[in-house]
Amino acid sequence: MGLFPSAELDYNPTAEERQALWATWAPRLGIAAANKAVEQWGGDKQEITHLIFHSCTGFKAPGVELDILDALGLQNVRRRFGINYMGCFGAFTGLAAAKSI
């Protein structure tokens, strides 16, 4: 069974349906990825001072970056960046923001 159980095989979900899926899964996936990144880094997560999140698909307010900040218990983040609706180019914006820190 797919994401849209009542859909025919060639079903094209509406923007509202896609946004609802994104709003459910983007925070979950973002939190899981952030946890894994911190684990692989091996440092003290309280040393993290900036948080950058990019998605070219959906949007929610407050942003997913706040979900990640809360889920990881990051207490020393001074600046968070939510980069949305910039398409794939938003990745370059995120990298430029990271470089400027």
C-alpha atoms as a PDB file:
ATOM      1  CA  MET A   1       0.000   0.000   0.000  1.00  0.00           C
ATOM      2  CA  GLY A   2       1.385   3.402  -1.000  1.00  0.00           C
ATOM      3  CA  LEU A   3       1.217   6.792   0.607  1.00  0.00           C
ATOM      4  CA  PHE A   4      -2.174   7.400  -0.988  1.00  0.00           C
ATOM      5  CA  PRO A   5      -4.040   4.108  -0.343  1.00  0.00           C
ATOM      6  CA  SER A   6      -7.214   5.049  -2.188  1.00  0.00           C
ATOM      7  CA  ALA A   7      -5.355   6.271  -5.258  1.00  0.00           C
ATOM      8  CA  GLU A   8      -5.127   4.631  -8.613  1.00  0.00           C
ATOM      9  CA  LEU A   9      -1.683   3.716  -9.886  1.00  0.00           C
ATOM     10  CA  ASP A  10      -1.320   6.880 -11.966  1.00  0.00           C
ATOM     11  CA  TYR A  11      -2.738   9.185  -9.285  1.00  0.00           C
ATOM     12  CA  ASN A  12      -1.237  12.650  -9.037  1.00  0.00           C
ATOM     13  CA  PRO A  13      -1.757  13.908  -5.451  1.00  0.00           C
ATOM     14  CA  THR A  14      -2.937  17.438  -4.888  1.00  0.00           C
ATOM     15  CA  ALA A  15      -0.641  20.118  -3.501  1.00  0.00           C
ATOM     16  CA  GLU A  16      -2.564  19.915  -0.227  1.00  0.00           C
ATOM     17  CA  GLU A  17      -1.970  16.158   0.024  1.00  0.00           C
ATOM     18  CA  ARG A  18       1.728  16.540  -0.767  1.00  0.00           C
ATOM     19  CA  GLN A  19       2.061  19.334   1.817  1.00  0.00           C
ATOM     20  CA  ALA A  20       0.358  17.185   4.465  1.00  0.00           C
ATOM     21  CA  LEU A  21       2.825  14.361   3.841  1.00  0.00           C
ATOM     22  CA  TRP A  22       5.734  16.778   3.919  1.00  0.00           C
ATOM     23  CA  ALA A  23       4.544  18.334   7.200  1.00  0.00           C
ATOM     24  CA  THR A  24       4.413  14.861   8.747  1.00  0.00           C
ATOM     25  CA  TRP A  25       7.671  13.442   7.410  1.00  0.00           C
ATOM     26  CA  ALA A  26      10.044  16.417   7.085  1.00  0.00           C
ATOM     27  CA  PRO A  27      10.398  16.917  10.865  1.00  0.00           C
ATOM     28  CA  ARG A  28      10.816  13.178  11.476  1.00  0.00           C
ATOM     29  CA  LEU A  29      13.458  12.793   8.794  1.00  0.00           C
ATOM     30  CA  GLY A  30      15.199  16.046   9.769  1.00  0.00           C
ATOM     31  CA  ILE A  31      15.411  15.009  13.421  1.00  0.00           C
ATOM     32  CA  ALA A  32      16.685  11.530  12.516  1.00  0.00           C
ATOM     33  CA  ALA A  33      19.337  13.001  10.194  1.00  0.00           C
ATOM     34  CA  ALA A  34      20.424  15.569  12.787  1.00  0.00           C
ATOM     35  CA  ASN A  35      20.709  12.911  15.498  1.00  0.00           C
ATOM     36  CA  LYS A  36      22.834  10.762  13.196  1.00  0.00           C
ATOM     37  CA  ALA A  37      25.034  13.722  12.240  1.00  0.00           C
ATOM     38  CA  VAL A  38      25.669  14.588  15.898  1.00  0.00           C
ATOM     39  CA  GLU A  39      26.396  10.938  16.686  1.00  0.00           C
ATOM     40  CA  GLN A  40      28.873  10.659  13.799  1.00  0.00           C
ATOM     41  CA  TRP A  41      30.487  13.955  14.751  1.00  0.00           C
ATOM     42  CA  GLY A  42      31.010  12.727  18.315  1.00  0.00           C
ATOM     43  CA  GLY A  43      31.149  16.181  19.865  1.00  0.00           C
ATOM     44  CA  ASP A  44      29.064  17.856  22.528  1.00  0.00           C
ATOM     45  CA  LYS A  45      25.782  18.923  20.941  1.00  0.00           C
ATOM     46  CA  GLN A  46      25.684  21.917  23.278  1.00  0.00           C
ATOM     47  CA  GLU A  47      28.588  23.357  21.259  1.00  0.00           C
ATOM     48  CA  ILE A  48      26.249  23.771  18.279  1.00  0.00           C
ATOM     49  CA  THR A  49      25.479  27.460  17.802  1.00  0.00           C
ATOM     50  CA  HIS A  50      23.797  27.533  14.377  1.00  0.00           C
ATOM     51  CA  LEU A  51      21.185  25.358  12.689  1.00  0.00           C
ATOM     52  CA  ILE A  52      20.456  25.391   8.947  1.00  0.00           C
ATOM     53  CA  PHE A  53      17.515  23.551   7.387  1.00  0.00           C
ATOM     54  CA  HIS A  54      16.650  23.477   3.692  1.00  0.00           C
ATOM     55  CA  SER A  55      13.690  21.999   1.875  1.00  0.00           C
ATOM     56  CA  CYS A  56      12.612  22.689  -1.675  1.00  0.00           C
ATOM     57  CA  THR A  57       9.311  20.877  -1.169  1.00  0.00           C
ATOM     58  CA  GLY A  58       7.183  22.169   1.701  1.00  0.00           C
ATOM     59  CA  PHE A  59       6.885  24.738   4.427  1.00  0.00           C
ATOM     60  CA  LYS A  60       5.563  25.058   7.947  1.00  0.00           C
ATOM     61  CA  ALA A  61       5.770  27.691  10.632  1.00  0.00           C
ATOM     62  CA  PRO A  62       7.450  27.479  12.972  1.00  0.00           C
ATOM     63  CA  GLY A  63       9.945  25.739  10.754  1.00  0.00           C
ATOM     64  CA  VAL A  64      11.451  22.279  10.857  1.00  0.00           C
ATOM     65  CA  GLU A  65      14.684  23.781  12.169  1.00  0.00           C
ATOM     66  CA  LEU A  66      12.830  24.582  15.408  1.00  0.00           C
ATOM     67  CA  ASP A  67      11.553  20.984  15.593  1.00  0.00           C
ATOM     68  CA  ILE A  68      15.157  19.782  15.281  1.00  0.00           C
ATOM     69  CA  LEU A  69      16.412  22.281  17.851  1.00  0.00           C
ATOM     70  CA  ASP A  70      13.770  21.158  20.372  1.00  0.00           C
ATOM     71  CA  ALA A  71      14.087  17.419  19.706  1.00  0.00           C
ATOM     72  CA  LEU A  72      17.860  17.473  20.141  1.00  0.00           C
ATOM     73  CA  GLY A  73      17.687  19.731  23.192  1.00  0.00           C
ATOM     74  CA  LEU A  74      20.079  22.255  21.643  1.00  0.00           C
ATOM     75  CA  GLN A  75      20.379  25.042  24.201  1.00  0.00           C
ATOM     76  CA  ASN A  76      23.115  27.200  22.697  1.00  0.00           C
ATOM     77  CA  VAL A  77      21.811  27.831  19.192  1.00  0.00           C
ATOM     78  CA  ARG A  78      22.139  31.552  18.553  1.00  0.00           C
ATOM     79  CA  ARG A  79      20.836  31.581  14.987  1.00  0.00           C
ATOM     80  CA  ARG A  80      18.656  29.234  12.981  1.00  0.00           C
ATOM     81  CA  PHE A  81      18.028  29.381   9.260  1.00  0.00           C
ATOM     82  CA  GLY A  82      14.970  27.933   7.525  1.00  0.00           C
ATOM     83  CA  ILE A  83      15.491  27.926   3.761  1.00  0.00           C
ATOM     84  CA  ASN A  84      12.298  27.010   1.933  1.00  0.00           C
ATOM     85  CA  TYR A  85      10.775  27.344  -1.537  1.00  0.00           C
ATOM     86  CA  MET A  86      14.071  28.101  -3.244  1.00  0.00           C
ATOM     87  CA  GLY A  87      14.160  24.815  -5.127  1.00  0.00           C
ATOM     88  CA  CYS A  88      17.451  23.025  -5.471  1.00  0.00           C
ATOM     89  CA  PHE A  89      19.250  26.375  -5.451  1.00  0.00           C
ATOM     90  CA  GLY A  90      18.364  26.646  -1.769  1.00  0.00           C
ATOM     91  CA  ALA A  91      21.089  24.095  -1.079  1.00  0.00           C
ATOM     92  CA  PHE A  92      23.667  26.602  -2.324  1.00  0.00           C
ATOM     93  CA  THR A  93      22.121  29.253  -0.095  1.00  0.00           C
ATOM     94  CA  GLY A  94      22.416  26.877   2.876  1.00  0.00           C
ATOM     95  CA  LEU A  95      26.045  26.108   2.069  1.00  0.00           C
ATOM     96  CA  ALA A  96      26.818  29.831   1.729  1.00  0.00           C
ATOM     97  CA  ALA A  97      25.168  30.476   5.104  1.00  0.00           C
ATOM     98  CA  ALA A  98      27.208  27.663   6.682  1.00  0.00           C
ATOM     99  CA  LYS A  99      30.423  29.025   5.158  1.00  0.00           C
ATOM    100  CA  SER A 100      29.737  32.490   6.595  1.00  0.00           C
ATOM    101  CA  ILE A 101      29.447  31.193  10.166  1.00  0.00           C
END
